[in-house]
Structures are given as structure tokens and as C-alpha cells.
Amino acid sequence: MQERLNLQIAAVFEKILGTKDVAVMIDAKHLCVSSRGIKDDSSTTITSYYGGKFQTEATKQAFLKCIQ
């Protein structure tokens, strides 16, 4: 579901901004991990989408540097 949400957000940004040059990153805590199974309260799952110019390594690294 998180992966699908990531793609949906990217599609909306692409449509509104009128460009394929969009990057989206989601860092989420999943209740199924914290309440069942391994019961780890500190772990998160990161999903990302890189479109257009963000698919080039230099632009991707510039984006990642800005969000850290």
C-alpha cells in the first residue's frame, strides 16, 4: 500500500506541476511491524519514486542530500 501511495502522490505532483521531474520519498512506521510479528517499535519502511531528471544519479543525490 505504501508503494502505491508513493506512486499516486508522484502522479498528482506530475499532473499539477506539469513535469515528470518529480521525486517522492515516504518514511513510514507500520503498525503490523510494531504490534505483531517482530514487535519492533523503532523500524520504518522507506519507499521512493524518482521521475524525469531525478533518475540521473547526480540529481538524485542532490535531492537526498537536501532531505537528510
Protein backbone atom coordinates (compact mmCIF):
# COMPACT_ATOMS: atom_id res chain seq x y z
CA MET A 1 0.00 0.00 0.00
CA GLN A 2 2.84 2.41 0.81
CA GLU A 3 4.40 1.80 -2.61
CA ARG A 4 1.08 2.52 -4.33
CA LEU A 5 0.60 5.70 -2.26
CA ASN A 6 4.08 6.84 -3.27
CA LEU A 7 3.23 6.40 -6.98
CA GLN A 8 -0.13 8.14 -6.57
CA ILE A 9 1.48 11.15 -4.89
CA ALA A 10 4.08 11.35 -7.65
CA ALA A 11 1.37 11.20 -10.34
CA VAL A 12 -0.54 14.07 -8.72
CA PHE A 13 2.60 16.21 -8.45
CA GLU A 14 3.47 15.47 -12.09
CA LYS A 15 -0.02 16.50 -13.20
CA ILE A 16 -0.23 19.66 -11.07
CA LEU A 17 3.32 20.81 -11.81
CA GLY A 18 3.23 19.76 -15.47
CA THR A 19 6.56 17.96 -15.33
CA LYS A 20 7.96 14.45 -14.99
CA ASP A 21 10.80 15.87 -12.84
CA VAL A 22 9.34 14.72 -9.51
CA ALA A 23 10.82 12.91 -6.52
CA VAL A 24 8.77 11.50 -3.64
CA MET A 25 10.01 9.72 -0.53
CA ILE A 26 7.85 8.27 2.23
CA ASP A 27 9.28 7.11 5.56
CA ALA A 28 6.52 5.34 7.49
CA LYS A 29 6.10 3.27 10.61
CA HIS A 30 3.90 0.22 10.06
CA LEU A 31 1.69 -0.97 12.88
CA CYS A 32 1.92 -4.57 11.68
CA VAL A 33 5.66 -4.47 12.42
CA SER A 34 5.32 -2.80 15.81
CA SER A 35 2.31 -4.72 17.12
CA ARG A 36 2.68 -8.16 15.53
CA GLY A 37 5.49 -10.32 14.27
CA ILE A 38 8.84 -8.95 15.36
CA LYS A 39 7.27 -6.19 17.54
CA ASP A 40 9.87 -3.58 16.60
CA ASP A 41 8.72 -0.06 17.55
CA SER A 42 11.71 1.72 16.03
CA SER A 43 11.82 0.42 12.44
CA THR A 44 10.37 2.26 9.47
CA THR A 45 9.90 1.47 5.79
CA ILE A 46 11.16 3.92 3.17
CA THR A 47 9.78 3.98 -0.36
CA SER A 48 10.84 6.37 -3.07
CA TYR A 49 9.96 7.44 -6.59
CA TYR A 50 12.30 9.30 -8.95
CA GLY A 51 10.94 10.65 -12.22
CA GLY A 52 12.43 12.66 -15.05
CA LYS A 53 15.71 14.38 -14.16
CA PHE A 54 15.66 12.76 -10.72
CA GLN A 55 16.53 9.46 -12.39
CA THR A 56 20.05 10.77 -13.06
CA GLU A 57 22.41 9.89 -10.22
CA ALA A 58 23.64 13.47 -9.66
CA THR A 59 20.13 14.91 -9.32
CA LYS A 60 19.01 12.01 -7.13
CA GLN A 61 21.98 12.54 -4.80
CA ALA A 62 21.28 16.30 -4.64
CA PHE A 63 17.68 15.52 -3.61
CA LEU A 64 18.77 13.01 -0.97
CA LYS A 65 21.28 15.48 0.44
CA CYS A 66 18.52 18.10 0.84
CA ILE A 67 16.19 15.83 2.80
CA GLN A 68 18.74 14.47 5.28
